[in-house]
């Protein structure tokens, strides 16, 4: 019954009439215990960028701003490693309050790790050094595991090395005390050695975003929930260009319980395009045939939220992809692709309860912060818990 109810919501949204005014009992299974209310059935994983503490006020975002009770896991980003296995830890990366605050709320904190994987692949002796350094680091600061960000393995040799690396991690960080996850591309499972890796790690984070950006020739949608066939350049995003598609690709390779779907708290502003799927005028003259530096990265909290139906911008919603975008009211150049509370809410509902994935995650916590509130995180939390998005929250996007 629950799955059918949520499916109906998705269908209704396709008809541009998602019923945000539905009564809570239409969505909520009965929960009799306080503990059930505190712990959602699905994962809500948050990427926390260590650099956010250096943002200018009022957008400075630190361990003090994180609403831990709305998050099941935090991926703490910023540490790298070189080919020899030495860790590269940025100055002031460690926040003494982060992990104690998280653990007090029942939230686990994993180290989001990226580095010179190709260099280590050529120097496999570095694995032992890396594992030793990680063990010391995780033990000292009481982390709960490792999330590996490799963008992207691209060969059978890479796939084999990924398994070797994750096996080394698991040997040093046994389950269930420690968690292991991998950030993965939405378009393919081929180079992740899924049949074997899924037996070693806990879950995969599907990065279904960055369909848009400076690397496209058209003003595309950053993260469609469903693919809009009106897109004139599907080759720039396909396969796996929508949640529906990337979910299907990964569900064919891994259990639903091991998959988290990604949602972006940021978007892209195409400064010389004036409509959805418009062609960048400069694409004809750039060396790579793409929009390049005419596209800006913009975050929801500090940048986009204040422009919704204001300052000459008008919001529209793609009736197929179910995500919003902004264009200039006077028709002048300007196109912004982004996510708002409605699309974020639907994405989580669809991923968690229609595709029945294990959870969702976002990049990144600070990008949603406007100095005092986090609309997108609130929408994720409510969808994860099957609570209704308030009419006020929905209507705020129309002001």
Protein backbone atom coordinates (compact mmCIF):
# COMPACT_ATOMS: atom_id res chain seq x y z
CA UNK A 1 0.00 0.00 0.00
CA UNK A 2 2.81 2.43 0.89
CA UNK A 3 4.63 1.87 -2.39
CA UNK A 4 1.40 2.29 -4.33
CA UNK A 5 0.63 5.54 -2.53
CA UNK A 6 4.05 7.01 -3.31
CA UNK A 7 3.82 5.80 -6.92
CA UNK A 8 0.58 7.74 -7.23
CA UNK A 9 2.37 10.82 -5.95
CA UNK A 10 5.04 10.42 -8.62
CA UNK A 11 2.36 10.04 -11.32
CA UNK A 12 0.53 13.07 -10.00
CA UNK A 13 3.75 15.06 -10.14
CA UNK A 14 4.17 14.02 -13.76
CA UNK A 15 0.84 15.76 -14.32
CA UNK A 16 2.24 18.85 -12.57
CA UNK A 17 -0.05 18.44 -9.58
CA UNK A 18 1.87 16.78 -6.78
CA UNK A 19 -0.56 17.02 -3.83
CA UNK A 20 1.58 18.71 -1.19
CA UNK A 21 -1.64 19.43 0.72
CA UNK A 22 -2.29 15.72 1.31
CA UNK A 23 -2.99 14.78 4.89
CA UNK A 24 -0.06 13.26 6.76
CA UNK A 25 -1.94 10.03 7.35
CA UNK A 26 -2.05 9.46 3.57
CA UNK A 27 1.72 9.05 3.57
CA UNK A 28 2.76 7.99 7.02
CA UNK A 29 2.77 4.39 8.19
CA UNK A 30 1.83 4.20 11.88
CA UNK A 31 4.75 4.81 14.18
CA UNK A 32 4.09 4.08 17.81
CA UNK A 33 7.55 4.52 19.27
CA UNK A 34 9.68 7.59 19.76
CA UNK A 35 12.70 5.73 18.44
CA UNK A 36 10.94 5.02 15.14
CA UNK A 37 10.29 8.72 14.70
CA UNK A 38 13.93 9.54 15.33
CA UNK A 39 15.47 6.92 13.06
CA UNK A 40 14.17 6.93 9.45
CA UNK A 41 13.97 3.61 7.64
CA UNK A 42 16.16 4.93 4.83
CA UNK A 43 19.65 6.45 4.84
CA UNK A 44 20.03 10.21 4.48
CA UNK A 45 23.73 10.75 3.80
CA UNK A 46 25.28 14.22 3.79
CA UNK A 47 28.50 15.27 2.11
CA UNK A 48 30.15 17.82 4.38
CA UNK A 49 32.93 19.81 2.72
CA UNK A 50 35.62 20.83 5.20
CA UNK A 51 36.18 24.04 3.22
CA UNK A 52 32.73 25.36 4.10
CA UNK A 53 34.03 26.66 7.42
CA UNK A 54 35.99 29.29 5.47
CA UNK A 55 33.02 30.72 3.57
CA UNK A 56 32.19 34.36 4.17
CA UNK A 57 29.46 35.15 6.71
CA UNK A 58 26.55 34.58 6.87
CA UNK A 59 27.23 31.44 4.81
CA UNK A 60 30.04 30.09 7.00
CA UNK A 61 29.13 26.47 7.71
CA UNK A 62 30.76 24.45 10.47
CA UNK A 63 30.06 21.50 12.74
CA UNK A 64 27.91 23.85 14.82
CA UNK A 65 25.46 24.45 11.95
CA UNK A 66 24.84 20.79 11.04
CA UNK A 67 21.35 19.53 12.06
CA UNK A 68 22.56 16.06 12.99
CA UNK A 69 19.13 14.68 13.85
CA UNK A 70 18.11 14.97 10.18
CA UNK A 71 21.09 12.97 8.91
CA UNK A 72 21.99 9.30 9.29
CA UNK A 73 25.56 9.53 7.95
CA UNK A 74 28.04 12.31 7.22
CA UNK A 75 30.79 12.00 4.60
CA UNK A 76 33.53 14.38 5.75
CA UNK A 77 35.30 15.58 2.60
CA UNK A 78 38.74 17.05 2.08
CA UNK A 79 41.43 14.43 2.79
CA UNK A 80 43.50 13.07 -0.10
CA UNK A 81 46.45 10.74 -0.53
CA UNK A 82 49.43 10.43 -2.85
CA UNK A 83 50.76 7.44 -4.77
CA UNK A 84 52.93 6.38 -1.84
CA UNK A 85 49.96 6.26 0.56
CA UNK A 86 50.69 9.40 2.56
CA UNK A 87 47.57 11.30 3.61
CA UNK A 88 47.07 14.93 2.58
CA UNK A 89 45.08 16.56 5.36
CA UNK A 90 44.18 20.24 4.87
CA UNK A 91 44.91 22.73 7.62
CA UNK A 92 42.03 22.93 10.12
CA UNK A 93 40.35 19.89 8.59
CA UNK A 94 39.69 18.38 12.00
CA UNK A 95 36.78 19.96 13.87
CA UNK A 96 36.84 18.62 17.43
CA UNK A 97 33.08 19.10 17.77
CA UNK A 98 32.02 17.25 14.61
CA UNK A 99 32.17 13.59 15.55
CA UNK A 100 31.12 13.92 19.22
CA UNK A 101 28.06 15.96 18.16
CA UNK A 102 27.23 13.46 15.44
CA UNK A 103 27.60 10.42 17.67
CA UNK A 104 25.48 12.03 20.36
CA UNK A 105 22.68 12.28 17.78
CA UNK A 106 23.19 8.71 16.54
CA UNK A 107 24.79 9.90 13.30
CA UNK A 108 27.87 8.18 11.90
CA UNK A 109 30.75 10.08 10.28
CA UNK A 110 32.79 8.59 7.46
CA UNK A 111 35.94 10.02 5.89
CA UNK A 112 35.36 10.96 2.24
CA UNK A 113 38.66 10.05 0.62
CA UNK A 114 40.06 10.89 -2.80
CA UNK A 115 43.58 10.90 -4.14
CA UNK A 116 46.14 9.67 -6.60
CA UNK A 117 44.53 6.32 -7.31
CA UNK A 118 46.15 5.92 -10.76
CA UNK A 119 49.55 6.56 -9.16
CA UNK A 120 48.88 3.99 -6.46
CA UNK A 121 47.62 1.55 -9.07
CA UNK A 122 51.10 1.74 -10.60
CA UNK A 123 52.66 1.48 -7.14
CA UNK A 124 50.53 -1.09 -5.25
CA UNK A 125 53.01 -1.08 -2.36
CA UNK A 126 51.42 2.21 -1.41
CA UNK A 127 48.21 0.43 -0.37
CA UNK A 128 49.75 -0.89 2.85
CA UNK A 129 51.04 2.58 3.73
CA UNK A 130 47.67 4.15 2.98
CA UNK A 131 45.79 1.62 5.08
CA UNK A 132 48.18 2.07 7.99
CA UNK A 133 47.80 5.85 7.84
CA UNK A 134 44.04 5.62 7.58
CA UNK A 135 43.83 3.24 10.50
CA UNK A 136 45.76 5.65 12.68
CA UNK A 137 43.70 8.63 11.49
CA UNK A 138 40.29 6.97 11.90
CA UNK A 139 41.16 5.55 15.30
CA UNK A 140 42.52 8.82 16.63
CA UNK A 141 39.47 10.85 15.62
CA UNK A 142 36.82 8.11 16.00
CA UNK A 143 35.55 8.02 12.40
CA UNK A 144 33.08 5.31 11.39
CA UNK A 145 34.43 4.33 7.98
CA UNK A 146 35.64 5.39 4.55
CA UNK A 147 33.89 6.68 1.45
CA UNK A 148 36.08 6.43 -1.67
CA UNK A 149 35.63 9.03 -4.42
CA UNK A 150 37.33 7.82 -7.63
CA UNK A 151 36.21 9.83 -10.65
CA UNK A 152 36.35 7.52 -12.52
CA UNK A 153 37.69 4.00 -13.03
CA UNK A 154 37.67 3.35 -16.76
CA UNK A 155 39.17 -0.05 -17.51
CA UNK A 156 39.16 -3.67 -16.40
CA UNK A 157 42.49 -3.03 -14.68
CA UNK A 158 40.90 -0.16 -12.73
CA UNK A 159 38.03 -2.43 -11.74
CA UNK A 160 40.43 -5.08 -10.46
CA UNK A 161 42.41 -2.48 -8.50
CA UNK A 162 39.25 -1.06 -6.96
CA UNK A 163 38.43 -4.47 -5.54
CA UNK A 164 41.99 -4.87 -4.24
CA UNK A 165 41.81 -1.48 -2.55
CA UNK A 166 38.42 -2.08 -0.95
CA UNK A 167 39.49 -5.50 0.30
CA UNK A 168 42.49 -3.86 1.95
CA UNK A 169 40.18 -1.29 3.55
CA UNK A 170 37.80 -3.97 4.80
CA UNK A 171 40.61 -6.01 6.29
CA UNK A 172 41.71 -3.02 8.34
CA UNK A 173 38.20 -1.70 9.00
CA UNK A 174 35.97 -4.68 9.79
CA UNK A 175 32.19 -4.64 9.66
CA UNK A 176 30.00 -3.74 11.46
CA UNK A 177 32.18 -1.29 13.38
CA UNK A 178 33.26 0.43 10.17
CA UNK A 179 31.35 1.29 7.01
CA UNK A 180 32.72 1.39 3.46
CA UNK A 181 31.12 3.12 0.49
CA UNK A 182 32.05 4.27 -3.00
CA UNK A 183 30.88 7.29 -5.02
CA UNK A 184 29.97 6.01 -8.48
CA UNK A 185 29.10 7.33 -11.93
CA UNK A 186 25.42 7.03 -12.96
CA UNK A 187 26.05 5.87 -16.50
CA UNK A 188 27.77 2.52 -15.99
CA UNK A 189 28.53 -0.28 -13.53
CA UNK A 190 31.08 -1.93 -15.80
CA UNK A 191 34.25 -0.58 -14.20
CA UNK A 192 33.22 -0.95 -10.55
CA UNK A 193 33.56 -4.73 -10.36
CA UNK A 194 30.13 -4.73 -8.75
CA UNK A 195 29.61 -8.51 -8.38
CA UNK A 196 32.66 -8.69 -6.12
CA UNK A 197 32.89 -5.19 -4.67
CA UNK A 198 29.29 -5.27 -3.39
CA UNK A 199 30.31 -8.15 -1.13
CA UNK A 200 33.03 -6.02 0.45
CA UNK A 201 31.48 -2.57 0.85
CA UNK A 202 28.24 -1.40 2.45
CA UNK A 203 26.81 0.82 -0.29
CA UNK A 204 27.28 2.80 -3.52
CA UNK A 205 26.50 6.53 -3.86
CA UNK A 206 25.14 7.22 -7.37
CA UNK A 207 26.20 10.70 -8.51
CA UNK A 208 23.26 11.55 -10.78
CA UNK A 209 24.10 15.21 -11.25
CA UNK A 210 26.36 17.44 -13.36
CA UNK A 211 24.41 16.65 -16.49
CA UNK A 212 24.66 20.42 -16.96
CA UNK A 213 27.79 22.52 -16.68
CA UNK A 214 30.55 24.30 -18.61
CA UNK A 215 31.22 21.01 -20.44
CA UNK A 216 27.92 21.10 -22.36
CA UNK A 217 27.01 23.05 -25.48
CA UNK A 218 23.38 23.50 -24.42
CA UNK A 219 21.64 24.80 -21.32
CA UNK A 220 20.74 21.41 -19.89
CA UNK A 221 19.09 20.32 -16.65
CA UNK A 222 21.57 19.53 -13.91
CA UNK A 223 19.82 16.50 -12.42
CA UNK A 224 16.56 15.35 -14.06
CA UNK A 225 14.40 12.96 -12.09
CA UNK A 226 12.92 11.64 -15.35
CA UNK A 227 14.55 12.15 -18.75
CA UNK A 228 12.99 14.82 -20.98
CA UNK A 229 13.29 13.68 -24.60
CA UNK A 230 13.14 17.33 -25.69
CA UNK A 231 16.81 17.59 -24.72
CA UNK A 232 18.58 18.20 -28.05
CA UNK A 233 21.90 16.74 -26.88
CA UNK A 234 21.20 13.54 -24.95
CA UNK A 235 24.73 12.36 -25.72
CA UNK A 236 25.99 14.92 -23.18
CA UNK A 237 24.21 13.08 -20.33
CA UNK A 238 23.11 9.66 -21.46
CA UNK A 239 23.03 6.91 -20.39
CA UNK A 240 22.02 7.39 -16.79
CA UNK A 241 21.05 11.03 -17.22
CA UNK A 242 18.09 10.86 -14.85
CA UNK A 243 17.30 9.25 -11.51
CA UNK A 244 14.96 6.84 -13.23
CA UNK A 245 17.69 5.71 -15.63
CA UNK A 246 20.66 5.65 -13.26
CA UNK A 247 18.60 3.80 -10.70
CA UNK A 248 17.68 1.17 -13.28
CA UNK A 249 21.33 0.80 -14.37
CA UNK A 250 22.52 0.20 -10.83
CA UNK A 251 19.56 -1.92 -9.76
CA UNK A 252 20.54 -4.35 -12.48
CA UNK A 253 23.92 -4.82 -10.77
CA UNK A 254 23.47 -4.29 -7.03
CA UNK A 255 20.77 -4.79 -4.39
CA UNK A 256 18.50 -1.79 -3.89
CA UNK A 257 19.48 -1.71 -0.22
CA UNK A 258 23.09 -0.94 -1.23
CA UNK A 259 22.23 2.09 -3.38
CA UNK A 260 21.94 5.76 -2.45
CA UNK A 261 20.72 8.27 -5.05
CA UNK A 262 22.38 11.68 -5.18
CA UNK A 263 20.72 15.09 -5.25
CA UNK A 264 22.51 18.43 -5.80
CA UNK A 265 22.23 21.43 -3.50
CA UNK A 266 23.76 23.55 -6.27
CA UNK A 267 23.06 24.41 -9.90
CA UNK A 268 24.51 26.12 -12.95
CA UNK A 269 23.88 29.55 -14.45
CA UNK A 270 24.25 29.74 -18.22
CA UNK A 271 24.93 33.44 -18.68
CA UNK A 272 24.38 33.61 -22.45
CA UNK A 273 21.41 31.22 -22.85
CA UNK A 274 17.86 32.52 -22.46
CA UNK A 275 15.81 29.31 -22.44
CA UNK A 276 15.80 25.66 -21.44
CA UNK A 277 17.93 23.61 -23.85
CA UNK A 278 19.20 26.78 -25.52
CA UNK A 279 22.50 26.56 -27.42
CA UNK A 280 25.39 28.58 -26.02
CA UNK A 281 26.29 31.12 -28.76
CA UNK A 282 29.98 30.75 -27.97
CA UNK A 283 29.92 26.95 -28.38
CA UNK A 284 30.59 27.38 -32.11
CA UNK A 285 33.88 29.13 -31.42
CA UNK A 286 35.28 27.43 -28.30
CA UNK A 287 38.04 24.90 -28.84
CA UNK A 288 35.97 22.08 -27.35
CA UNK A 289 32.62 23.14 -28.81
CA UNK A 290 31.17 23.70 -25.32
CA UNK A 291 29.87 26.60 -23.22
CA UNK A 292 33.04 26.75 -21.09
CA UNK A 293 33.49 29.84 -18.91
CA UNK A 294 30.07 31.32 -19.71
CA UNK A 295 28.59 28.87 -17.17
CA UNK A 296 28.83 29.56 -13.43
CA UNK A 297 28.35 27.21 -10.49
CA UNK A 298 25.71 28.60 -8.11
CA UNK A 299 24.59 27.25 -4.73
CA UNK A 300 20.98 27.11 -3.64
CA UNK A 301 21.24 28.83 -0.25
CA UNK A 302 23.40 31.88 -0.94
CA UNK A 303 22.76 32.33 -4.67
CA UNK A 304 19.63 30.79 -6.16
CA UNK A 305 17.00 31.01 -3.44
CA UNK A 306 16.86 34.81 -3.48
CA UNK A 307 16.35 34.87 -7.28
CA UNK A 308 13.24 32.65 -7.43
CA UNK A 309 10.55 34.83 -9.03
CA UNK A 310 12.55 37.92 -8.06
CA UNK A 311 15.11 40.33 -9.48
CA UNK A 312 13.85 39.76 -13.01
CA UNK A 313 14.00 35.95 -12.86
CA UNK A 314 10.98 33.67 -13.35
CA UNK A 315 10.74 30.07 -12.22
CA UNK A 316 9.46 27.32 -14.48
CA UNK A 317 9.30 23.55 -13.95
CA UNK A 318 10.04 20.97 -16.61
CA UNK A 319 6.85 18.89 -16.73
CA UNK A 320 8.75 15.71 -17.61
CA UNK A 321 12.02 15.99 -15.69
CA UNK A 322 10.12 17.49 -12.70
CA UNK A 323 12.90 19.91 -11.78
CA UNK A 324 12.78 23.73 -11.81
CA UNK A 325 14.77 26.27 -13.76
CA UNK A 326 14.95 30.07 -13.93
CA UNK A 327 14.99 32.35 -16.96
CA UNK A 328 14.91 36.12 -17.32
CA UNK A 329 11.42 37.62 -17.46
CA UNK A 330 12.42 40.04 -20.21
CA UNK A 331 13.90 37.30 -22.39
CA UNK A 332 17.49 38.47 -21.97
CA UNK A 333 20.28 35.88 -21.58
CA UNK A 334 20.17 33.93 -18.34
CA UNK A 335 19.22 30.33 -17.56
CA UNK A 336 19.68 28.62 -14.17
CA UNK A 337 19.18 24.91 -13.61
CA UNK A 338 18.77 23.90 -9.97
CA UNK A 339 16.70 21.96 -7.43
CA UNK A 340 14.15 23.40 -5.03
CA UNK A 341 12.31 21.86 -2.05
CA UNK A 342 9.61 20.37 -4.29
CA UNK A 343 11.97 18.58 -6.66
CA UNK A 344 14.22 17.50 -3.80
CA UNK A 345 11.24 16.11 -1.92
CA UNK A 346 9.99 14.21 -4.96
CA UNK A 347 13.47 12.89 -5.82
CA UNK A 348 13.84 11.39 -2.36
CA UNK A 349 10.32 9.95 -2.37
CA UNK A 350 10.88 8.43 -5.80
CA UNK A 351 14.32 7.03 -4.98
CA UNK A 352 13.46 5.72 -1.52
CA UNK A 353 9.93 4.44 -1.95
CA UNK A 354 9.28 3.88 -5.66
CA UNK A 355 12.69 2.55 -6.72
CA UNK A 356 13.05 1.35 -3.11
CA UNK A 357 16.72 2.29 -2.88
CA UNK A 358 18.52 2.19 0.45
CA UNK A 359 18.67 5.97 0.71
CA UNK A 360 19.78 9.28 -0.74
CA UNK A 361 22.68 11.69 -0.32
CA UNK A 362 23.55 15.22 -1.35
CA UNK A 363 26.46 17.41 -2.33
CA UNK A 364 26.83 19.35 -0.19
CA UNK A 365 25.50 20.51 3.18
CA UNK A 366 26.81 24.08 3.01
CA UNK A 367 25.38 24.72 -0.48
CA UNK A 368 21.86 24.69 0.98
CA UNK A 369 22.59 27.10 3.83
CA UNK A 370 21.28 30.67 3.50
CA UNK A 371 22.63 31.86 6.83
CA UNK A 372 19.81 30.53 8.99
CA UNK A 373 17.87 27.74 7.25
CA UNK A 374 18.25 24.74 4.93
CA UNK A 375 15.17 24.25 2.78
CA UNK A 376 16.52 21.39 0.68
CA UNK A 377 17.79 19.37 3.62
CA UNK A 378 14.44 19.87 5.34
CA UNK A 379 12.71 18.54 2.20
CA UNK A 380 15.02 15.52 2.13
CA UNK A 381 14.35 14.81 5.79
CA UNK A 382 10.56 15.02 5.39
CA UNK A 383 10.54 12.80 2.30
CA UNK A 384 12.80 10.25 4.00
CA UNK A 385 10.43 10.10 6.96
CA UNK A 386 7.33 10.16 4.74
CA UNK A 387 6.17 13.45 6.19
CA UNK A 388 4.25 15.92 4.04
CA UNK A 389 6.03 18.96 2.68
CA UNK A 390 4.12 21.84 4.23
CA UNK A 391 2.10 24.08 1.97
CA UNK A 392 4.07 27.05 3.28
CA UNK A 393 7.34 25.44 2.20
CA UNK A 394 5.92 24.62 -1.20
CA UNK A 395 4.31 28.03 -1.69
CA UNK A 396 7.49 29.85 -0.65
CA UNK A 397 8.95 28.87 -3.99
CA UNK A 398 6.21 30.80 -5.79
CA UNK A 399 6.80 34.11 -4.10
